[in-house]
Amino acid sequence: MPPLREQDRHTIHSGATHPSPTPSPTFRSIDPSTALPLCTIHTSPPSSILAAIASAKSTLPTWSRTPPSSRARILQRTAALLRARNAALARIETLDTGRPYSETLTVDVLSGADVLEYYAGLIASGGLDGENISLRPGSAAVRTSKHPLGVCAAIGAWNYPIQIALWKSAPCLAAGNTLVYKPSEFTPLHAQYLADIYSEAGLPAGVFNVVYGAGDVGAALVAHEDIAKVSFTGQISTGRAVAGAAGGGLKSVTMELGGKSALVVLPDADVTQAADGAMMANFYSSGQVCTNGTRVFVPAVMKAAFESCVVERMRFIRPGDLFAPDTNYGPVSSKTHYDKVIGYIRWGIERDKARVLCGGLGRLENVPPALRDGYWVRPTVFTDCRDGMRIVREEIFGPVMAILSYDTVEEAVRRANDTETGLAAGVFGRDINECQRVIGLLEAGITWINTWGESPAEMAVGGWKQSGLGVENGRKGLEAWTRNKSTLVEMGGTVPTVFSKL
């Protein structure tokens, strides 16, 4: 398939695209499978960033007073348009991220539409209602109400661009806020399409705005006094900086950061099912998933059988033309990330001295000649790993699994928790009571039993420890975009006072 030729991308505000009034730096969106350019992106200069924020601020009073039922109808229409154009939008996501079309067609747009529909239903059925509490029956009551935060900023990630954009924008807009969204500079193509679809669905001009650029553009958003909340998805070091800057202005934050998640195979587990789970937890999306279970703890007595199952399954990883229906493995997202992942694999071999069970350095086999210049990494499994190894301690965010053996479940839990991160964890085993007991001991905010990776709209997700602040999705995800007002109503006709006449 020939490379996509997209129009240049410019700042979007006030319901339209606005080329910069002065020359601005540019960068290119690159197809990771071929390393060929897709289009040129014009970095939003300070004047355009200010215009986007001003646009969001000007329309806030009207949008925040729009009845929830009316906002819900717009979200529902947006979801319907996304579903109708799923094939075209999934193609854009594949070209921009390098993930196979078989993935993007079934996950990215559709899961984002699910979130829109979920929040539309929630606000239409009273999800933004407050509480009425009888304080002194017949005399006093406390009433609470939920209100929008104001103008918000969302900074997206490059691995699931449109899904993450919808995870942020759907509850933000449902709650009555307006938004300035900055997509990742590595995968920015979806933002124009999403803005157009929101507009077509009836979203008023200025409610959803887009700026483009790297960290300096995100920093300008975070620092602006009119921004009430910042929602960020990305690596821990950047998230700390963003949260620190936002905290200095007492802004609300949601931080969905990285992890080094543990997948614990219990002694009674079905080894084939556990191997299937480990494959999904490490090689789906070429390992570029923040919740990936890259530390796989296996009972020592089961290790050889587990390794054999993993090796047998590796032959079903099929790289190739990303639009071929049987392709299930793509390149990593960029040359920068390719170099990072290869550096970790090299370190694991040369410095950590881990045993390579599969993969390693070298060119990935079975990649067609037309794709040889893309950012393809061999899916790699290290075994005989130790907790102190760099490939075990640090997030690689690529197709790299580390197998660690253990003797007792208590030991596995202790070692699994010995990390500064706490994004996700999973357990495989036949005894569900034991699985639930172990899950209860693992220090992570997103957990699974006998499965891995599914994250429906109804499921609030967020990390523990250094893996984040707050949650996305679910009812709690909507509350994260609101502020509370409490009112005490005195109905008895008498004002309590200590200053009355004796």
Protein backbone atom coordinates (compact mmCIF):
# COMPACT_ATOMS: atom_id res chain seq x y z
CA MET A 1 0.00 0.00 0.00
CA PRO A 2 1.48 3.42 -0.92
CA PRO A 3 2.28 5.80 1.92
CA LEU A 4 -0.45 8.11 3.11
CA ARG A 5 -0.23 11.72 2.01
CA GLU A 6 -1.99 13.79 4.61
CA GLN A 7 -2.49 17.55 4.70
CA ASP A 8 -0.29 19.57 7.02
CA ARG A 9 -1.50 19.83 10.61
CA HIS A 10 -2.06 23.18 12.33
CA THR A 11 -3.53 24.38 15.63
CA ILE A 12 -7.29 23.91 15.96
CA HIS A 13 -9.33 26.39 17.98
CA SER A 14 -12.65 28.22 17.78
CA GLY A 15 -13.95 25.36 15.63
CA ALA A 16 -11.43 25.76 12.79
CA THR A 17 -7.86 25.11 11.74
CA HIS A 18 -5.56 28.10 12.14
CA PRO A 19 -2.13 28.16 10.49
CA SER A 20 0.39 30.01 12.59
CA PRO A 21 0.48 33.76 11.86
CA THR A 22 4.27 33.57 12.00
CA PRO A 23 6.63 30.84 10.76
CA SER A 24 6.89 28.01 13.29
CA PRO A 25 9.06 24.91 13.58
CA THR A 26 7.76 21.76 11.93
CA PHE A 27 8.20 18.04 12.40
CA ARG A 28 7.07 15.02 10.43
CA SER A 29 4.78 12.14 11.24
CA ILE A 30 6.54 8.92 10.22
CA ASP A 31 5.15 5.52 9.24
CA PRO A 32 7.12 3.22 11.60
CA SER A 33 6.81 0.22 9.30
CA THR A 34 8.70 1.92 6.47
CA ALA A 35 10.33 4.99 8.06
CA LEU A 36 8.63 7.08 5.34
CA PRO A 37 7.02 10.44 6.16
CA LEU A 38 3.25 10.78 6.30
CA CYS A 39 2.81 14.53 6.66
CA THR A 40 4.20 17.72 8.21
CA ILE A 41 3.07 19.02 11.59
CA HIS A 42 3.41 22.71 12.43
CA THR A 43 4.32 23.25 16.08
CA SER A 44 1.84 25.55 17.81
CA PRO A 45 3.66 28.79 18.68
CA PRO A 46 2.89 30.62 21.95
CA SER A 47 0.32 32.84 20.24
CA SER A 48 -1.60 29.80 18.95
CA ILE A 49 -1.49 28.10 22.35
CA LEU A 50 -2.93 31.22 23.95
CA ALA A 51 -5.62 31.39 21.27
CA ALA A 52 -6.62 27.77 21.91
CA ILE A 53 -6.88 28.41 25.66
CA ALA A 54 -8.83 31.61 25.06
CA SER A 55 -11.20 29.72 22.75
CA ALA A 56 -11.84 27.11 25.43
CA LYS A 57 -12.35 29.80 28.06
CA SER A 58 -14.81 31.81 25.96
CA THR A 59 -17.12 28.88 25.32
CA LEU A 60 -16.92 27.46 28.86
CA PRO A 61 -19.90 29.38 30.32
CA THR A 62 -22.25 28.16 27.59
CA TRP A 63 -21.04 24.57 27.52
CA SER A 64 -20.96 24.18 31.31
CA ARG A 65 -24.61 25.32 31.49
CA THR A 66 -25.73 23.00 28.69
CA PRO A 67 -28.02 20.36 30.27
CA PRO A 68 -26.34 16.98 30.78
CA SER A 69 -28.94 15.33 28.55
CA SER A 70 -27.98 17.65 25.68
CA ARG A 71 -24.29 17.01 26.21
CA ALA A 72 -25.06 13.31 26.25
CA ARG A 73 -26.73 13.46 22.84
CA ILE A 74 -23.63 15.07 21.33
CA LEU A 75 -21.40 12.38 22.83
CA GLN A 76 -23.71 9.69 21.48
CA ARG A 77 -23.61 11.20 17.99
CA THR A 78 -19.82 11.38 18.21
CA ALA A 79 -19.66 7.70 19.10
CA ALA A 80 -21.94 6.80 16.19
CA LEU A 81 -19.74 8.73 13.74
CA LEU A 82 -16.62 7.06 15.09
CA ARG A 83 -18.16 3.62 14.65
CA ALA A 84 -19.29 4.45 11.13
CA ARG A 85 -15.77 5.53 10.18
CA ASN A 86 -13.91 2.90 12.16
CA ALA A 87 -12.16 1.37 9.14
CA ALA A 88 -10.76 4.68 7.87
CA LEU A 89 -9.72 5.87 11.32
CA ALA A 90 -8.12 2.50 12.15
CA ARG A 91 -6.06 2.82 8.97
CA ILE A 92 -4.79 6.20 10.18
CA GLU A 93 -3.88 4.71 13.55
CA THR A 94 -2.00 1.85 11.90
CA LEU A 95 -0.01 4.16 9.66
CA ASP A 96 0.79 6.51 12.51
CA THR A 97 1.62 3.96 15.24
CA GLY A 98 2.85 0.93 13.29
CA ARG A 99 0.37 -1.34 15.05
CA PRO A 100 -1.33 -3.97 12.85
CA TYR A 101 -4.67 -3.11 11.28
CA SER A 102 -6.07 -6.26 12.85
CA GLU A 103 -5.57 -4.51 16.22
CA THR A 104 -6.58 -0.96 15.43
CA LEU A 105 -9.73 -2.10 13.61
CA THR A 106 -11.01 -3.96 16.67
CA VAL A 107 -9.66 -1.92 19.60
CA ASP A 108 -8.71 1.72 19.21
CA VAL A 109 -11.71 3.57 17.79
CA LEU A 110 -14.33 1.14 19.07
CA SER A 111 -13.08 1.17 22.67
CA GLY A 112 -13.01 4.97 22.55
CA ALA A 113 -16.59 5.01 21.30
CA ASP A 114 -17.52 2.72 24.20
CA VAL A 115 -16.22 5.34 26.63
CA LEU A 116 -18.22 8.11 24.95
CA GLU A 117 -21.39 6.04 25.14
CA TYR A 118 -20.71 5.08 28.74
CA TYR A 119 -20.35 8.67 29.90
CA ALA A 120 -23.28 9.82 27.79
CA GLY A 121 -25.46 7.27 29.54
CA LEU A 122 -24.01 8.13 32.94
CA ILE A 123 -24.68 11.88 32.78
CA ALA A 124 -28.10 11.38 31.19
CA SER A 125 -29.15 9.17 34.12
CA GLY A 126 -28.02 11.42 36.94
CA GLY A 127 -24.33 10.65 37.14
CA LEU A 128 -23.59 14.28 37.91
CA ASP A 129 -26.24 14.55 40.63
CA GLY A 130 -25.13 15.37 44.15
CA GLU A 131 -26.34 14.10 47.51
CA ASN A 132 -29.04 15.20 49.93
CA ILE A 133 -28.20 14.40 53.54
CA SER A 134 -30.60 14.96 56.42
CA LEU A 135 -28.51 16.60 59.12
CA ARG A 136 -31.25 17.40 61.65
CA PRO A 137 -34.55 15.97 60.34
CA GLY A 138 -36.99 18.75 59.53
CA SER A 139 -34.47 21.37 60.55
CA ALA A 140 -31.26 21.18 58.49
CA ALA A 141 -29.85 19.33 55.52
CA VAL A 142 -26.63 19.17 53.57
CA ARG A 143 -26.76 19.20 49.79
CA THR A 144 -23.83 18.55 47.52
CA SER A 145 -23.48 19.34 43.85
CA LYS A 146 -20.89 18.58 41.17
CA HIS A 147 -19.54 21.35 38.95
CA PRO A 148 -17.10 21.49 36.02
CA LEU A 149 -13.50 22.35 36.80
CA GLY A 150 -13.18 24.78 33.89
CA VAL A 151 -10.69 24.85 31.04
CA CYS A 152 -8.65 21.64 31.08
CA ALA A 153 -5.55 20.36 29.31
CA ALA A 154 -4.96 16.80 28.12
CA ILE A 155 -1.56 15.51 26.98
CA GLY A 156 -1.83 12.27 25.04
CA ALA A 157 0.48 9.30 24.51
CA TRP A 158 1.77 7.77 21.30
CA ASN A 159 0.83 4.11 21.69
CA TYR A 160 -3.01 4.29 21.53
CA PRO A 161 -3.54 7.85 20.28
CA ILE A 162 -7.24 8.14 19.54
CA GLN A 163 -8.28 5.80 22.35
CA ILE A 164 -6.36 7.86 24.92
CA ALA A 165 -7.72 11.10 23.42
CA LEU A 166 -11.24 9.76 23.94
CA TRP A 167 -10.50 8.41 27.42
CA LYS A 168 -9.61 11.99 28.36
CA SER A 169 -12.02 14.07 26.31
CA ALA A 170 -15.18 12.01 26.89
CA PRO A 171 -15.45 12.46 30.69
CA CYS A 172 -13.99 15.97 30.48
CA LEU A 173 -16.68 17.16 28.06
CA ALA A 174 -19.41 15.10 29.73
CA ALA A 175 -18.75 16.93 32.99
CA GLY A 176 -19.14 20.32 31.26
CA ASN A 177 -15.49 21.31 30.93
CA THR A 178 -13.76 22.57 27.80
CA LEU A 179 -10.48 21.09 26.61
CA VAL A 180 -7.17 21.90 24.96
CA TYR A 181 -5.64 18.65 23.75
CA LYS A 182 -2.02 18.04 22.76
CA PRO A 183 -1.39 14.72 21.00
CA SER A 184 2.01 13.09 21.15
CA GLU A 185 4.40 14.53 18.61
CA PHE A 186 5.09 10.96 17.46
CA THR A 187 1.47 10.06 16.62
CA PRO A 188 -0.53 13.25 15.98
CA LEU A 189 -2.65 12.38 12.92
CA HIS A 190 -5.83 11.40 14.76
CA ALA A 191 -6.38 14.77 16.41
CA GLN A 192 -7.66 16.56 13.29
CA TYR A 193 -10.09 13.73 12.54
CA LEU A 194 -11.38 13.67 16.11
CA ALA A 195 -11.89 17.44 16.16
CA ASP A 196 -13.81 17.26 12.89
CA ILE A 197 -16.02 14.44 14.15
CA TYR A 198 -16.79 16.26 17.42
CA SER A 199 -17.77 19.32 15.38
CA GLU A 200 -19.96 17.28 13.01
CA ALA A 201 -21.69 15.71 16.01
CA GLY A 202 -22.71 19.16 17.23
CA LEU A 203 -20.02 20.05 19.76
CA PRO A 204 -19.90 23.87 19.93
CA ALA A 205 -16.86 25.61 18.49
CA GLY A 206 -14.15 26.07 21.10
CA VAL A 207 -15.11 23.18 23.37
CA PHE A 208 -12.42 20.87 21.92
CA ASN A 209 -9.17 22.47 20.76
CA VAL A 210 -5.88 20.99 19.54
CA VAL A 211 -2.29 22.18 19.80
CA TYR A 212 0.72 20.39 18.36
CA GLY A 213 4.29 20.04 19.51
CA ALA A 214 6.67 18.43 21.97
CA GLY A 215 7.28 18.95 25.68
CA ASP A 216 7.60 22.72 25.49
CA VAL A 217 4.05 23.00 24.15
CA GLY A 218 2.77 20.75 26.93
CA ALA A 219 4.67 22.80 29.51
CA ALA A 220 3.07 26.00 28.22
CA LEU A 221 -0.37 24.47 28.70
CA VAL A 222 0.41 23.26 32.19
CA ALA A 223 1.79 26.63 33.27
CA HIS A 224 -1.13 28.75 32.04
CA GLU A 225 -3.22 30.24 34.82
CA ASP A 226 -6.52 29.51 33.07
CA ILE A 227 -5.92 25.75 33.00
CA ALA A 228 -7.80 24.11 35.88
CA LYS A 229 -6.73 20.51 35.34
CA VAL A 230 -4.03 18.57 33.53
CA SER A 231 -4.50 14.96 32.43
CA PHE A 232 -1.27 13.32 31.28
CA THR A 233 -0.35 9.87 29.98
CA GLY A 234 3.32 9.02 29.56
CA GLN A 235 6.53 8.01 31.25
CA ILE A 236 7.13 8.49 34.97
CA SER A 237 9.92 11.09 34.75
CA THR A 238 7.83 13.36 32.53
CA GLY A 239 4.75 12.79 34.67
CA ARG A 240 6.61 13.90 37.78
CA ALA A 241 7.61 17.13 36.06
CA VAL A 242 4.08 17.75 34.79
CA ALA A 243 2.51 17.01 38.17
CA GLY A 244 5.03 19.22 39.93
CA ALA A 245 4.35 22.14 37.62
CA ALA A 246 0.59 21.68 37.88
CA GLY A 247 0.78 21.32 41.65
CA GLY A 248 2.56 24.63 41.91
CA GLY A 249 -0.57 26.25 40.52
CA LEU A 250 -2.87 24.05 42.65
CA LYS A 251 -4.34 22.50 39.51
CA SER A 252 -6.10 19.15 39.53
CA VAL A 253 -4.15 16.34 37.89
CA THR A 254 -4.65 12.86 36.56
CA MET A 255 -1.39 11.04 35.86
CA GLU A 256 -1.41 7.71 34.03
CA LEU A 257 2.25 6.74 34.07
CA GLY A 258 4.45 3.73 33.47
CA GLY A 259 4.94 0.42 35.18
CA LYS A 260 6.96 -2.74 35.47
CA SER A 261 4.06 -5.01 36.12
CA ALA A 262 4.19 -8.51 37.53
CA LEU A 263 2.39 -11.55 36.14
CA VAL A 264 2.38 -14.28 38.79
CA VAL A 265 1.82 -17.88 37.67
CA LEU A 266 0.58 -19.82 40.69
CA PRO A 267 1.69 -23.43 41.31
CA ASP A 268 -1.72 -24.87 40.33
CA ALA A 269 -2.03 -22.86 37.11
CA ASP A 270 -2.70 -24.40 33.72
CA VAL A 271 0.70 -23.81 32.15
CA THR A 272 -0.72 -23.38 28.64
CA GLN A 273 -3.24 -20.78 29.79
CA ALA A 274 -0.52 -18.95 31.72
CA ALA A 275 1.73 -18.94 28.65
CA ASP A 276 -1.10 -17.51 26.55
CA GLY A 277 -1.55 -14.76 29.14
CA ALA A 278 2.15 -13.99 29.18
CA MET A 279 2.21 -13.68 25.39
CA MET A 280 -0.66 -11.18 25.47
CA ALA A 281 0.97 -9.32 28.36
CA ASN A 282 4.25 -8.88 26.48
CA PHE A 283 3.83 -8.92 22.71
CA TYR A 284 0.43 -7.39 21.97
CA SER A 285 1.03 -4.02 20.30
CA SER A 286 4.70 -5.02 20.09
CA GLY A 287 4.94 -4.65 23.84
CA GLN A 288 4.06 -0.95 23.77
CA VAL A 289 1.40 -1.06 26.48
CA CYS A 290 1.92 0.62 29.84
CA THR A 291 0.21 -2.21 31.74
CA ASN A 292 2.29 -4.99 30.19
CA GLY A 293 3.21 -7.84 32.54
CA THR A 294 6.91 -7.90 31.70
CA ARG A 295 8.06 -9.59 34.93
CA VAL A 296 6.70 -13.13 34.71
CA PHE A 297 7.08 -15.06 37.98
CA VAL A 298 6.89 -18.82 37.49
CA PRO A 299 7.27 -21.63 40.07
CA ALA A 300 10.74 -23.16 39.73
CA VAL A 301 9.26 -26.63 39.21
CA MET A 302 7.11 -25.31 36.35
CA LYS A 303 9.74 -23.15 34.67
CA ALA A 304 10.91 -25.60 32.01
CA ALA A 305 7.36 -26.47 30.96
CA PHE A 306 6.40 -22.78 30.89
CA GLU A 307 9.43 -21.90 28.76
CA SER A 308 8.57 -24.68 26.34
CA CYS A 309 5.01 -23.33 25.98
CA VAL A 310 6.27 -19.80 25.36
CA VAL A 311 8.78 -20.94 22.72
CA GLU A 312 6.07 -22.91 20.95
CA ARG A 313 3.83 -19.82 20.83
CA MET A 314 6.52 -17.50 19.52
CA ARG A 315 6.16 -19.03 16.08
CA PHE A 316 2.64 -17.61 15.87
CA ILE A 317 3.96 -14.03 16.02
CA ARG A 318 3.53 -12.83 12.43
CA PRO A 319 5.20 -9.59 11.30
CA GLY A 320 4.60 -8.23 7.83
CA ASP A 321 2.33 -5.96 5.83
CA LEU A 322 0.39 -4.18 8.55
CA PHE A 323 -2.83 -4.33 6.53
CA ALA A 324 -2.68 -8.06 5.88
CA PRO A 325 -5.37 -9.79 7.97
CA ASP A 326 -2.98 -12.39 9.40
CA THR A 327 -0.33 -9.88 10.54
CA ASN A 328 -0.39 -9.61 14.33
CA TYR A 329 2.95 -7.93 15.06
CA GLY A 330 4.27 -4.54 14.00
CA PRO A 331 7.31 -2.31 14.47
CA VAL A 332 7.89 -0.09 17.46
CA SER A 333 6.68 3.47 17.11
CA SER A 334 9.76 5.51 16.17
CA LYS A 335 13.49 5.45 15.54
CA THR A 336 14.05 6.98 18.97
CA HIS A 337 12.08 4.23 20.64
CA TYR A 338 13.68 1.54 18.48
CA ASP A 339 17.11 2.62 19.70
CA LYS A 340 15.90 2.57 23.30
CA VAL A 341 14.44 -0.95 23.09
CA ILE A 342 17.48 -2.35 21.23
CA GLY A 343 19.68 -0.78 23.89
CA TYR A 344 17.83 -2.67 26.62
CA ILE A 345 18.06 -5.96 24.73
CA ARG A 346 21.79 -5.44 24.26
CA TRP A 347 22.18 -4.63 27.95
CA GLY A 348 20.24 -7.75 28.92
CA ILE A 349 22.58 -9.90 26.84
CA GLU A 350 25.92 -8.24 27.48
CA ARG A 351 25.61 -6.74 30.96
CA ASP A 352 22.81 -8.51 32.79
CA LYS A 353 23.91 -11.86 31.30
CA ALA A 354 20.34 -13.09 31.10
CA ARG A 355 19.75 -16.15 28.94
CA VAL A 356 18.02 -15.42 25.64
CA LEU A 357 15.20 -17.91 25.18
CA CYS A 358 13.91 -16.29 21.97
CA GLY A 359 14.74 -13.27 19.87
CA GLY A 360 17.58 -10.96 20.79
CA LEU A 361 19.59 -8.66 18.55
CA GLY A 362 19.64 -8.83 14.77
CA ARG A 363 17.17 -8.29 11.97
CA LEU A 364 13.65 -9.58 12.42
CA GLU A 365 12.92 -12.47 10.11
CA ASN A 366 10.00 -12.58 7.65
CA VAL A 367 9.76 -8.82 7.16
CA PRO A 368 9.07 -8.01 3.49
CA PRO A 369 11.84 -6.11 1.65
CA ALA A 370 9.65 -3.01 1.33
CA LEU A 371 9.50 -2.78 5.13
CA ARG A 372 13.15 -3.47 5.94
CA ASP A 373 13.83 0.18 6.82
CA GLY A 374 11.08 0.20 9.46
CA TYR A 375 11.58 0.01 13.20
CA TRP A 376 11.19 -3.73 13.64
CA VAL A 377 12.41 -5.37 16.87
CA ARG A 378 12.72 -9.11 17.35
CA PRO A 379 10.25 -10.24 20.04
CA THR A 380 12.56 -11.30 22.86
CA VAL A 381 12.25 -13.54 25.91
CA PHE A 382 14.91 -13.50 28.62
CA THR A 383 14.97 -16.23 31.23
CA ASP A 384 17.03 -17.12 34.31
CA CYS A 385 16.47 -13.47 35.24
CA ARG A 386 17.26 -11.93 38.63
CA ASP A 387 15.44 -9.11 40.38
CA GLY A 388 18.40 -6.76 40.26
CA MET A 389 18.86 -6.87 36.49
CA ARG A 390 18.25 -3.63 34.64
CA ILE A 391 15.92 -5.35 32.18
CA VAL A 392 13.87 -6.49 35.19
CA ARG A 393 13.90 -3.18 37.08
CA GLU A 394 13.25 -0.63 34.33
CA GLU A 395 10.32 -0.16 31.97
CA ILE A 396 11.38 -1.08 28.43
CA PHE A 397 8.01 -0.53 26.73
CA GLY A 398 8.80 -2.96 23.99
CA PRO A 399 8.49 -6.67 23.09
CA VAL A 400 10.73 -7.96 25.88
CA MET A 401 9.66 -10.55 28.47
CA ALA A 402 11.64 -11.47 31.60
CA ILE A 403 11.00 -14.86 33.23
CA LEU A 404 11.84 -15.20 36.93
CA SER A 405 11.46 -18.38 38.98
CA TYR A 406 10.28 -18.59 42.59
CA ASP A 407 9.85 -21.25 45.29
CA THR A 408 6.94 -19.98 47.41
CA VAL A 409 3.97 -17.76 46.68
CA GLU A 410 4.91 -15.46 49.56
CA GLU A 411 8.32 -14.99 47.95
CA ALA A 412 6.74 -14.20 44.59
CA VAL A 413 4.45 -11.59 46.13
CA ARG A 414 7.30 -9.92 48.01
CA ARG A 415 9.46 -9.75 44.90
CA ALA A 416 6.59 -8.61 42.69
CA ASN A 417 5.95 -5.70 45.07
CA ASP A 418 9.63 -4.73 45.24
CA THR A 419 9.32 -1.92 42.70
CA GLU A 420 8.61 1.80 42.79
CA THR A 421 5.77 1.32 40.32
CA GLY A 422 2.32 -0.16 40.83
CA LEU A 423 0.36 0.15 37.64
CA ALA A 424 -0.87 -3.39 36.94
CA ALA A 425 -0.56 -6.99 38.06
CA GLY A 426 -2.10 -10.34 37.22
CA VAL A 427 -2.42 -13.85 38.57
CA PHE A 428 -3.01 -17.16 36.80
CA GLY A 429 -4.25 -20.17 38.75
CA ARG A 430 -7.04 -22.72 39.05
CA ASP A 431 -8.07 -21.93 42.65
CA ILE A 432 -10.00 -18.66 42.29
CA ASN A 433 -10.00 -18.06 46.05
CA GLU A 434 -6.21 -18.29 46.08
CA CYS A 435 -6.00 -16.06 43.01
CA GLN A 436 -8.10 -13.43 44.76
CA ARG A 437 -6.01 -13.71 47.90
CA VAL A 438 -2.80 -13.12 45.96
CA ILE A 439 -4.29 -10.27 43.93
CA GLY A 440 -5.21 -8.65 47.23
CA LEU A 441 -1.56 -8.71 48.26
CA LEU A 442 -0.14 -7.27 45.04
CA GLU A 443 0.48 -3.51 45.11
CA ALA A 444 -1.08 -2.37 41.85
CA GLY A 445 -4.12 -0.38 40.80
CA ILE A 446 -5.17 -2.43 37.76
CA THR A 447 -5.34 -6.19 38.21
CA TRP A 448 -6.53 -9.28 36.37
CA ILE A 449 -7.15 -12.92 37.22
CA ASN A 450 -6.67 -15.54 34.48
CA THR A 451 -6.63 -12.88 31.77
CA TRP A 452 -4.64 -9.82 30.80
CA GLY A 453 -5.17 -6.39 29.34
CA GLU A 454 -8.91 -5.86 28.93
CA SER A 455 -9.98 -2.41 30.19
CA PRO A 456 -13.69 -1.74 29.58
CA ALA A 457 -15.25 1.71 29.95
CA GLU A 458 -16.91 0.70 33.22
CA MET A 459 -13.56 -0.21 34.85
CA ALA A 460 -11.78 2.64 36.62
CA VAL A 461 -8.04 2.34 35.96
CA GLY A 462 -5.14 4.06 37.65
CA GLY A 463 -1.76 3.26 39.12
CA TRP A 464 -0.38 3.03 42.64
CA LYS A 465 2.95 4.33 43.90
CA GLN A 466 4.94 6.06 41.14
CA SER A 467 2.59 4.81 38.43
CA GLY A 468 0.17 7.66 38.68
CA LEU A 469 -2.43 9.80 40.41
CA GLY A 470 -6.17 9.45 40.01
CA VAL A 471 -8.10 7.19 37.66
CA GLU A 472 -9.59 7.15 34.20
CA ASN A 473 -12.88 5.52 33.13
CA GLY A 474 -15.65 4.25 35.33
CA ARG A 475 -17.72 6.46 37.63
CA LYS A 476 -14.60 7.65 39.41
CA GLY A 477 -13.24 8.76 36.06
CA LEU A 478 -16.13 11.20 35.66
CA GLU A 479 -15.78 12.56 39.18
CA ALA A 480 -12.13 13.33 38.42
CA TRP A 481 -13.33 16.08 36.05
CA THR A 482 -15.64 17.75 38.59
CA ARG A 483 -15.38 19.78 41.76
CA ASN A 484 -17.72 19.51 44.73
CA LYS A 485 -19.88 22.15 46.38
CA SER A 486 -21.48 21.44 49.76
CA THR A 487 -24.36 23.56 51.05
CA LEU A 488 -25.90 23.42 54.53
CA VAL A 489 -29.55 24.46 54.42
CA GLU A 490 -31.14 25.60 57.69
CA MET A 491 -34.92 25.06 57.50
CA GLY A 492 -35.93 25.66 61.12
CA GLY A 493 -36.14 29.44 60.86
CA THR A 494 -33.61 29.99 63.63
CA VAL A 495 -29.97 30.88 63.16
CA PRO A 496 -27.83 29.07 65.73
CA THR A 497 -25.77 31.66 67.60
CA VAL A 498 -23.89 32.07 70.84
CA PHE A 499 -24.60 35.78 70.71
CA SER A 500 -28.29 35.62 71.57
CA LYS A 501 -29.69 37.27 74.70
CA LEU A 502 -29.31 35.22 77.86
